[in-house]
Amino acid sequence: MKVILKKDHELLGDEGQIVDVKNGYARNFLIPNGVAVQATESNLKIYDEIRKQRRRKIEKQMEESKSVADKITSANIRIAVKSGEEGRIFGSVTSQMIHDAMLAAGLEAVDRKKIVIKEAIKTLGEHIIDIKLQHSVIAPLKVFVVSIDELEKAPEVVTEDAVQEESTVQE
């Protein structure tokens, strides 16, 4: 029996897809549980219109995702963590830390589950992680992991006036 899926099904396919299943499975499980409807001409017309609307919606989401991906790709975020003397950090940088740093940097709110960290970030320095916005839209993000101690020891910004004053004092 041919049925049209009303919901995404892990084994059968995606919503709106026409699949061929055994009669008993369709009548006793899929149709009563609202997972599918029988593929009649009237149902095919209805789902064809739904498919067109979904396609437009997906195209719009793809455009939005690409613009967000451009913003993410051009951005750099900095995360300050406690570290040891050899540049190894205590613990690791988590997706929640990256998410919070993205929000602090003014980037769009991205679900932290979409932040893909390939290997655990356990060292200081520059790391590139992926943000999976859509199935085919993945944005790389540069993450600079710095030590909290380095931030505290960072020299003040030296202006030209300060340099000239020092040179006159030394003479």
N, C-alpha and C. Protein backbone atom coordinates (compact mmCIF):
# COMPACT_ATOMS: atom_id res chain seq x y z
N MET A 1 0.85 -1.17 0.00
CA MET A 1 0.00 0.00 0.00
C MET A 1 0.90 1.24 0.00
N LYS A 2 0.54 2.20 -0.81
CA LYS A 2 1.30 3.45 -0.86
C LYS A 2 0.67 4.43 0.12
N VAL A 3 1.54 5.05 0.94
CA VAL A 3 1.10 6.03 1.91
C VAL A 3 1.96 7.28 1.80
N ILE A 4 1.38 8.39 2.26
CA ILE A 4 2.10 9.66 2.32
C ILE A 4 2.41 9.92 3.78
N LEU A 5 3.67 10.13 4.09
CA LEU A 5 4.07 10.36 5.48
C LEU A 5 3.66 11.76 5.94
N LYS A 6 3.00 11.83 7.10
CA LYS A 6 2.60 13.11 7.67
C LYS A 6 3.67 13.65 8.61
N LYS A 7 4.54 12.78 9.07
CA LYS A 7 5.62 13.15 9.98
C LYS A 7 6.90 12.48 9.50
N ASP A 8 8.03 13.03 9.94
CA ASP A 8 9.30 12.37 9.66
C ASP A 8 9.32 11.05 10.41
N HIS A 9 9.74 10.00 9.73
CA HIS A 9 9.83 8.68 10.34
C HIS A 9 11.25 8.19 10.15
N GLU A 10 11.85 7.75 11.24
CA GLU A 10 13.25 7.36 11.22
C GLU A 10 13.58 6.30 10.17
N LEU A 11 12.71 5.33 10.01
CA LEU A 11 12.99 4.22 9.09
C LEU A 11 12.40 4.41 7.70
N LEU A 12 11.28 5.13 7.59
CA LEU A 12 10.59 5.22 6.31
C LEU A 12 10.99 6.43 5.47
N GLY A 13 11.15 7.59 6.08
CA GLY A 13 11.52 8.77 5.31
C GLY A 13 11.02 10.05 5.95
N ASP A 14 11.03 11.11 5.13
CA ASP A 14 10.66 12.44 5.61
C ASP A 14 9.19 12.74 5.35
N GLU A 15 8.70 13.76 6.03
CA GLU A 15 7.32 14.19 5.89
C GLU A 15 7.03 14.56 4.43
N GLY A 16 5.86 14.12 3.95
CA GLY A 16 5.44 14.42 2.59
C GLY A 16 5.94 13.41 1.56
N GLN A 17 6.77 12.50 1.96
CA GLN A 17 7.32 11.50 1.05
C GLN A 17 6.32 10.36 0.87
N ILE A 18 6.24 9.83 -0.36
CA ILE A 18 5.36 8.70 -0.66
C ILE A 18 6.19 7.43 -0.54
N VAL A 19 5.73 6.51 0.31
CA VAL A 19 6.46 5.25 0.51
C VAL A 19 5.50 4.08 0.34
N ASP A 20 6.06 2.94 0.00
CA ASP A 20 5.28 1.72 -0.18
C ASP A 20 5.54 0.82 1.03
N VAL A 21 4.47 0.52 1.78
CA VAL A 21 4.59 -0.32 2.97
C VAL A 21 3.56 -1.45 2.88
N LYS A 22 3.69 -2.42 3.76
CA LYS A 22 2.73 -3.52 3.78
C LYS A 22 1.38 -3.01 4.28
N ASN A 23 0.31 -3.63 3.78
CA ASN A 23 -1.05 -3.19 4.11
C ASN A 23 -1.31 -3.18 5.62
N GLY A 24 -0.94 -4.23 6.31
CA GLY A 24 -1.20 -4.33 7.74
C GLY A 24 -0.46 -3.25 8.53
N TYR A 25 0.78 -2.96 8.14
CA TYR A 25 1.57 -1.93 8.82
C TYR A 25 0.91 -0.57 8.64
N ALA A 26 0.40 -0.31 7.44
CA ALA A 26 -0.25 0.97 7.17
C ALA A 26 -1.57 1.07 7.93
N ARG A 27 -2.41 0.04 7.83
CA ARG A 27 -3.75 0.10 8.45
C ARG A 27 -3.71 0.04 9.97
N ASN A 28 -2.79 -0.76 10.51
CA ASN A 28 -2.79 -0.99 11.95
C ASN A 28 -1.88 -0.06 12.75
N PHE A 29 -0.90 0.55 12.09
CA PHE A 29 0.02 1.40 12.85
C PHE A 29 0.14 2.81 12.29
N LEU A 30 0.54 2.94 11.04
CA LEU A 30 0.86 4.26 10.50
C LEU A 30 -0.36 5.18 10.44
N ILE A 31 -1.45 4.71 9.87
CA ILE A 31 -2.64 5.56 9.70
C ILE A 31 -3.31 5.86 11.04
N PRO A 32 -3.56 4.86 11.93
CA PRO A 32 -4.20 5.18 13.21
C PRO A 32 -3.37 6.11 14.11
N ASN A 33 -2.05 6.02 14.02
CA ASN A 33 -1.18 6.85 14.86
C ASN A 33 -0.89 8.22 14.24
N GLY A 34 -1.45 8.49 13.08
CA GLY A 34 -1.27 9.80 12.45
C GLY A 34 0.08 10.00 11.82
N VAL A 35 0.79 8.92 11.55
CA VAL A 35 2.11 9.03 10.93
C VAL A 35 1.98 9.15 9.42
N ALA A 36 0.91 8.57 8.84
CA ALA A 36 0.74 8.58 7.39
C ALA A 36 -0.74 8.58 7.03
N VAL A 37 -1.01 8.92 5.77
CA VAL A 37 -2.35 8.81 5.19
C VAL A 37 -2.22 8.01 3.89
N GLN A 38 -3.33 7.40 3.50
CA GLN A 38 -3.32 6.62 2.28
C GLN A 38 -3.10 7.54 1.08
N ALA A 39 -2.35 7.08 0.10
CA ALA A 39 -1.99 7.89 -1.06
C ALA A 39 -3.10 7.84 -2.11
N THR A 40 -4.19 8.59 -1.86
CA THR A 40 -5.27 8.70 -2.84
C THR A 40 -5.03 9.97 -3.66
N GLU A 41 -5.82 10.15 -4.73
CA GLU A 41 -5.64 11.32 -5.59
C GLU A 41 -5.85 12.62 -4.82
N SER A 42 -6.89 12.66 -3.99
CA SER A 42 -7.16 13.90 -3.23
C SER A 42 -6.04 14.19 -2.23
N ASN A 43 -5.56 13.15 -1.54
CA ASN A 43 -4.46 13.35 -0.60
C ASN A 43 -3.18 13.75 -1.32
N LEU A 44 -2.96 13.21 -2.52
CA LEU A 44 -1.77 13.58 -3.28
C LEU A 44 -1.80 15.06 -3.66
N LYS A 45 -2.97 15.57 -4.03
CA LYS A 45 -3.10 17.00 -4.38
C LYS A 45 -2.81 17.87 -3.16
N ILE A 46 -3.38 17.49 -2.02
CA ILE A 46 -3.17 18.26 -0.79
C ILE A 46 -1.69 18.29 -0.42
N TYR A 47 -1.05 17.13 -0.43
CA TYR A 47 0.36 17.07 -0.04
C TYR A 47 1.29 17.67 -1.08
N ASP A 48 0.85 17.71 -2.34
CA ASP A 48 1.64 18.39 -3.36
C ASP A 48 1.71 19.89 -3.05
N GLU A 49 0.58 20.46 -2.65
CA GLU A 49 0.56 21.88 -2.28
C GLU A 49 1.39 22.12 -1.02
N ILE A 50 1.28 21.23 -0.06
CA ILE A 50 2.07 21.35 1.17
C ILE A 50 3.56 21.27 0.85
N ARG A 51 3.93 20.37 -0.06
CA ARG A 51 5.33 20.22 -0.46
C ARG A 51 5.87 21.51 -1.09
N LYS A 52 5.04 22.16 -1.93
CA LYS A 52 5.45 23.42 -2.56
C LYS A 52 5.67 24.50 -1.49
N GLN A 53 4.76 24.59 -0.53
CA GLN A 53 4.91 25.57 0.55
C GLN A 53 6.16 25.28 1.37
N ARG A 54 6.41 24.02 1.66
CA ARG A 54 7.59 23.64 2.43
C ARG A 54 8.87 23.99 1.68
N ARG A 55 8.87 23.77 0.36
CA ARG A 55 10.04 24.07 -0.45
C ARG A 55 10.35 25.57 -0.38
N ARG A 56 9.29 26.41 -0.48
CA ARG A 56 9.49 27.87 -0.38
C ARG A 56 10.03 28.24 0.99
N LYS A 57 9.49 27.61 2.02
CA LYS A 57 9.92 27.90 3.38
C LYS A 57 11.39 27.51 3.57
N ILE A 58 11.78 26.36 3.03
CA ILE A 58 13.16 25.89 3.15
C ILE A 58 14.10 26.83 2.41
N GLU A 59 13.70 27.30 1.22
CA GLU A 59 14.54 28.23 0.46
C GLU A 59 14.74 29.53 1.24
N LYS A 60 13.69 30.01 1.88
CA LYS A 60 13.78 31.23 2.68
C LYS A 60 14.72 31.01 3.87
N GLN A 61 14.59 29.86 4.53
CA GLN A 61 15.46 29.55 5.66
C GLN A 61 16.92 29.42 5.22
N MET A 62 17.14 28.87 4.02
CA MET A 62 18.51 28.74 3.50
C MET A 62 19.13 30.11 3.28
N GLU A 63 18.36 31.06 2.72
CA GLU A 63 18.88 32.41 2.51
C GLU A 63 19.24 33.06 3.84
N GLU A 64 18.35 32.92 4.83
CA GLU A 64 18.62 33.49 6.15
C GLU A 64 19.85 32.83 6.78
N SER A 65 19.97 31.52 6.62
CA SER A 65 21.10 30.80 7.18
C SER A 65 22.41 31.24 6.53
N LYS A 66 22.38 31.48 5.23
CA LYS A 66 23.59 31.92 4.54
C LYS A 66 24.02 33.30 5.01
N SER A 67 23.07 34.20 5.26
CA SER A 67 23.44 35.53 5.76
C SER A 67 24.01 35.43 7.17
N VAL A 68 23.43 34.58 8.01
CA VAL A 68 23.96 34.37 9.36
C VAL A 68 25.34 33.72 9.28
N ALA A 69 25.52 32.79 8.34
CA ALA A 69 26.81 32.13 8.16
C ALA A 69 27.89 33.13 7.77
N ASP A 70 27.56 34.10 6.92
CA ASP A 70 28.53 35.12 6.53
C ASP A 70 28.96 35.94 7.75
N LYS A 71 28.01 36.29 8.61
CA LYS A 71 28.33 37.05 9.82
C LYS A 71 29.23 36.23 10.75
N ILE A 72 28.90 34.96 10.90
CA ILE A 72 29.67 34.10 11.80
C ILE A 72 31.08 33.89 11.26
N THR A 73 31.20 33.69 9.94
CA THR A 73 32.50 33.44 9.34
C THR A 73 33.42 34.65 9.49
N SER A 74 32.87 35.85 9.40
CA SER A 74 33.70 37.04 9.50
C SER A 74 34.01 37.43 10.95
N ALA A 75 33.39 36.77 11.90
CA ALA A 75 33.58 37.13 13.31
C ALA A 75 34.67 36.27 13.95
N ASN A 76 35.27 36.83 14.98
CA ASN A 76 36.22 36.11 15.83
C ASN A 76 35.76 36.30 17.26
N ILE A 77 35.78 35.23 18.04
CA ILE A 77 35.42 35.38 19.45
C ILE A 77 36.61 34.99 20.31
N ARG A 78 36.64 35.54 21.51
CA ARG A 78 37.73 35.27 22.44
C ARG A 78 37.15 34.75 23.73
N ILE A 79 37.73 33.65 24.20
CA ILE A 79 37.27 33.03 25.44
C ILE A 79 38.44 32.99 26.41
N ALA A 80 38.24 33.55 27.59
CA ALA A 80 39.28 33.56 28.62
C ALA A 80 39.04 32.41 29.59
N VAL A 81 40.09 31.61 29.80
CA VAL A 81 39.99 30.44 30.68
C VAL A 81 41.21 30.37 31.59
N LYS A 82 41.10 29.61 32.65
CA LYS A 82 42.25 29.37 33.53
C LYS A 82 43.14 28.34 32.85
N SER A 83 44.45 28.59 32.94
CA SER A 83 45.36 27.64 32.29
C SER A 83 46.61 27.44 33.14
N GLY A 84 47.32 26.36 32.83
CA GLY A 84 48.58 26.07 33.50
C GLY A 84 49.72 26.76 32.80
N GLU A 85 50.94 26.46 33.23
CA GLU A 85 52.11 27.13 32.68
C GLU A 85 52.42 26.69 31.26
N GLU A 86 52.07 25.50 30.88
CA GLU A 86 52.43 24.99 29.56
C GLU A 86 51.37 25.27 28.50
N GLY A 87 50.41 26.09 28.80
CA GLY A 87 49.39 26.44 27.81
C GLY A 87 48.22 25.48 27.76
N ARG A 88 48.17 24.55 28.68
CA ARG A 88 47.02 23.64 28.73
C ARG A 88 46.01 24.23 29.69
N ILE A 89 44.75 24.14 29.31
CA ILE A 89 43.72 24.73 30.16
C ILE A 89 43.14 23.68 31.10
N PHE A 90 42.57 24.17 32.18
CA PHE A 90 41.93 23.27 33.14
C PHE A 90 40.54 22.96 32.61
N GLY A 91 40.27 21.72 32.30
CA GLY A 91 39.00 21.34 31.69
C GLY A 91 39.09 21.52 30.19
N SER A 92 37.99 21.92 29.58
CA SER A 92 37.99 22.19 28.14
C SER A 92 36.94 23.24 27.83
N VAL A 93 37.05 23.81 26.64
CA VAL A 93 36.08 24.81 26.20
C VAL A 93 34.84 24.06 25.72
N THR A 94 33.68 24.42 26.26
CA THR A 94 32.44 23.72 25.92
C THR A 94 31.62 24.52 24.92
N SER A 95 30.64 23.87 24.35
CA SER A 95 29.75 24.55 23.41
C SER A 95 28.96 25.65 24.11
N GLN A 96 28.67 25.48 25.39
CA GLN A 96 27.97 26.52 26.14
C GLN A 96 28.84 27.77 26.27
N MET A 97 30.13 27.59 26.52
CA MET A 97 31.05 28.73 26.61
C MET A 97 31.11 29.48 25.28
N ILE A 98 31.18 28.73 24.20
CA ILE A 98 31.23 29.34 22.87
C ILE A 98 29.92 30.06 22.59
N HIS A 99 28.81 29.46 22.95
CA HIS A 99 27.49 30.08 22.77
C HIS A 99 27.41 31.40 23.52
N ASP A 100 27.85 31.41 24.77
CA ASP A 100 27.82 32.64 25.57
C ASP A 100 28.73 33.71 24.98
N ALA A 101 29.91 33.30 24.49
CA ALA A 101 30.84 34.26 23.88
C ALA A 101 30.27 34.82 22.58
N MET A 102 29.54 34.00 21.83
CA MET A 102 28.90 34.49 20.60
C MET A 102 27.85 35.55 20.93
N LEU A 103 27.06 35.30 21.96
CA LEU A 103 26.04 36.27 22.36
C LEU A 103 26.69 37.56 22.85
N ALA A 104 27.78 37.44 23.61
CA ALA A 104 28.48 38.62 24.11
C ALA A 104 29.11 39.42 22.97
N ALA A 105 29.49 38.73 21.89
CA ALA A 105 30.10 39.40 20.73
C ALA A 105 29.04 40.02 19.82
N GLY A 106 27.78 39.79 20.12
CA GLY A 106 26.71 40.39 19.33
C GLY A 106 26.29 39.56 18.12
N LEU A 107 26.70 38.29 18.10
CA LEU A 107 26.28 37.42 17.00
C LEU A 107 24.88 36.89 17.26
N GLU A 108 24.24 36.39 16.22
CA GLU A 108 22.88 35.87 16.35
C GLU A 108 22.86 34.66 17.28
N ALA A 109 21.76 34.50 17.98
CA ALA A 109 21.61 33.37 18.89
C ALA A 109 21.50 32.09 18.08
N VAL A 110 22.42 31.18 18.32
CA VAL A 110 22.43 29.88 17.66
C VAL A 110 22.28 28.82 18.74
N ASP A 111 21.47 27.83 18.48
CA ASP A 111 21.29 26.75 19.44
C ASP A 111 22.64 26.10 19.71
N ARG A 112 22.98 25.91 20.97
CA ARG A 112 24.31 25.39 21.30
C ARG A 112 24.51 23.96 20.80
N LYS A 113 23.43 23.27 20.50
CA LYS A 113 23.55 21.92 19.96
C LYS A 113 24.05 21.94 18.52
N LYS A 114 23.99 23.10 17.88
CA LYS A 114 24.45 23.22 16.50
C LYS A 114 25.93 23.58 16.43
N ILE A 115 26.56 23.78 17.58
CA ILE A 115 27.99 24.07 17.63
C ILE A 115 28.73 22.74 17.62
N VAL A 116 29.54 22.53 16.58
CA VAL A 116 30.24 21.26 16.40
C VAL A 116 31.71 21.44 16.77
N ILE A 117 32.11 20.81 17.86
CA ILE A 117 33.52 20.83 18.27
C ILE A 117 34.08 19.46 17.92
N LYS A 118 34.96 19.42 16.91
CA LYS A 118 35.47 18.13 16.42
C LYS A 118 36.34 17.44 17.46
N GLU A 119 37.27 18.20 18.05
CA GLU A 119 38.12 17.67 19.10
C GLU A 119 38.01 18.59 20.30
N ALA A 120 38.15 18.05 21.48
CA ALA A 120 38.06 18.86 22.69
C ALA A 120 39.12 19.96 22.66
N ILE A 121 38.71 21.17 22.99
CA ILE A 121 39.64 22.31 23.00
C ILE A 121 40.25 22.37 24.39
N LYS A 122 41.52 21.96 24.49
CA LYS A 122 42.20 21.89 25.78
C LYS A 122 43.48 22.70 25.81
N THR A 123 43.74 23.47 24.74
CA THR A 123 44.96 24.28 24.70
C THR A 123 44.62 25.72 24.36
N LEU A 124 45.54 26.61 24.72
CA LEU A 124 45.37 28.01 24.37
C LEU A 124 45.67 28.19 22.89
N GLY A 125 45.16 29.26 22.31
CA GLY A 125 45.46 29.56 20.92
C GLY A 125 44.20 29.65 20.08
N GLU A 126 44.43 29.61 18.77
CA GLU A 126 43.33 29.75 17.82
C GLU A 126 42.78 28.37 17.44
N HIS A 127 41.48 28.26 17.47
CA HIS A 127 40.80 27.02 17.09
C HIS A 127 39.66 27.38 16.15
N ILE A 128 39.40 26.52 15.19
CA ILE A 128 38.28 26.75 14.27
C ILE A 128 37.24 25.66 14.53
N ILE A 129 36.02 26.11 14.81
CA ILE A 129 34.91 25.18 15.04
C ILE A 129 33.84 25.43 13.99
N ASP A 130 32.94 24.50 13.84
CA ASP A 130 31.86 24.63 12.86
C ASP A 130 30.54 24.89 13.56
N ILE A 131 29.73 25.74 12.94
CA ILE A 131 28.37 25.99 13.39
C ILE A 131 27.47 25.45 12.29
N LYS A 132 26.68 24.42 12.59
CA LYS A 132 25.81 23.81 11.59
C LYS A 132 24.44 24.49 11.66
N LEU A 133 24.19 25.37 10.68
CA LEU A 133 22.95 26.14 10.68
C LEU A 133 21.82 25.38 9.99
N GLN A 134 22.10 24.75 8.88
CA GLN A 134 21.15 23.93 8.13
C GLN A 134 21.89 22.66 7.71
N HIS A 135 21.20 21.80 6.97
CA HIS A 135 21.84 20.57 6.51
C HIS A 135 23.08 20.86 5.69
N SER A 136 23.00 21.84 4.81
CA SER A 136 24.12 22.12 3.91
C SER A 136 24.82 23.44 4.20
N VAL A 137 24.43 24.15 5.25
CA VAL A 137 25.05 25.43 5.59
C VAL A 137 25.83 25.27 6.89
N ILE A 138 27.15 25.26 6.74
CA ILE A 138 28.03 25.13 7.89
C ILE A 138 28.98 26.32 7.88
N ALA A 139 29.03 27.05 8.99
CA ALA A 139 29.86 28.25 9.08
C ALA A 139 31.04 28.01 10.01
N PRO A 140 32.27 28.24 9.53
CA PRO A 140 33.42 28.12 10.43
C PRO A 140 33.54 29.36 11.31
N LEU A 141 33.92 29.17 12.55
CA LEU A 141 34.07 30.27 13.50
C LEU A 141 35.44 30.17 14.16
N LYS A 142 36.18 31.30 14.15
CA LYS A 142 37.48 31.32 14.81
C LYS A 142 37.28 31.63 16.28
N VAL A 143 37.83 30.75 17.11
CA VAL A 143 37.75 30.92 18.55
C VAL A 143 39.18 31.07 19.07
N PHE A 144 39.44 32.19 19.73
CA PHE A 144 40.75 32.42 20.34
C PHE A 144 40.61 32.14 21.83
N VAL A 145 41.34 31.13 22.29
CA VAL A 145 41.32 30.76 23.69
C VAL A 145 42.55 31.39 24.34
N VAL A 146 42.31 32.28 25.31
CA VAL A 146 43.40 32.98 25.99
C VAL A 146 43.31 32.72 27.48
N SER A 147 44.45 32.88 28.13
CA SER A 147 44.52 32.67 29.57
C SER A 147 44.01 33.91 30.30
N ILE A 148 43.34 33.70 31.40
CA ILE A 148 42.88 34.82 32.22
C ILE A 148 44.09 35.59 32.75
N ASP A 149 45.18 34.87 33.06
CA ASP A 149 46.40 35.51 33.56
C ASP A 149 46.97 36.48 32.52
N GLU A 150 46.94 36.11 31.25
CA GLU A 150 47.44 36.98 30.19
C GLU A 150 46.62 38.26 30.09
N LEU A 151 45.32 38.14 30.29
CA LEU A 151 44.48 39.33 30.24
C LEU A 151 44.83 40.29 31.36
N GLU A 152 45.13 39.75 32.55
CA GLU A 152 45.47 40.61 33.69
C GLU A 152 46.85 41.24 33.51
N LYS A 153 47.79 40.52 32.88
CA LYS A 153 49.15 41.02 32.69
C LYS A 153 49.30 41.85 31.43
N ALA A 154 48.26 41.97 30.64
CA ALA A 154 48.36 42.68 29.36
C ALA A 154 48.80 44.12 29.59
N PRO A 155 49.79 44.58 28.82
CA PRO A 155 50.26 45.95 29.01
C PRO A 155 49.20 46.95 28.56
N GLU A 156 49.27 48.11 29.17
CA GLU A 156 48.34 49.15 28.78
C GLU A 156 48.69 49.63 27.38
N VAL A 157 47.74 50.22 26.73
CA VAL A 157 47.98 50.75 25.39
C VAL A 157 48.89 51.96 25.52
N VAL A 158 50.00 51.92 24.77
CA VAL A 158 50.98 53.00 24.85
C VAL A 158 50.69 54.00 23.75
N THR A 159 50.51 55.25 24.13
CA THR A 159 50.25 56.30 23.15
C THR A 159 51.55 57.00 22.80
N GLU A 160 51.54 57.79 21.75
CA GLU A 160 52.74 58.51 21.32
C GLU A 160 53.15 59.55 22.37
N ASP A 161 52.19 60.18 23.04
CA ASP A 161 52.50 61.17 24.06
C ASP A 161 53.29 60.54 25.20
N ALA A 162 52.91 59.34 25.61
CA ALA A 162 53.61 58.66 26.70
C ALA A 162 55.03 58.32 26.29
N VAL A 163 55.25 57.92 25.05
CA VAL A 163 56.58 57.59 24.56
C VAL A 163 57.45 58.84 24.54
N GLN A 164 56.92 59.98 24.10
CA GLN A 164 57.68 61.24 24.05
C GLN A 164 58.03 61.71 25.46
N GLU A 165 57.12 61.55 26.42
CA GLU A 165 57.39 61.95 27.79
C GLU A 165 58.52 61.12 28.39
N GLU A 166 58.53 59.81 28.10
CA GLU A 166 59.59 58.95 28.61
C GLU A 166 60.93 59.33 28.02
N SER A 167 60.97 59.65 26.73
CA SER A 167 62.24 60.00 26.09
C SER A 167 62.79 61.32 26.63
N THR A 168 61.94 62.28 26.96
CA THR A 168 62.42 63.54 27.53
C THR A 168 62.91 63.35 28.96
N VAL A 169 62.34 62.45 29.71
CA VAL A 169 62.74 62.19 31.09
C VAL A 169 64.11 61.52 31.10
N GLN A 170 64.37 60.59 30.18
CA GLN A 170 65.62 59.86 30.15
C GLN A 170 66.78 60.75 29.72
N GLU A 171 66.58 61.77 28.95
CA GLU A 171 67.66 62.64 28.47
C GLU A 171 68.15 63.50 29.54
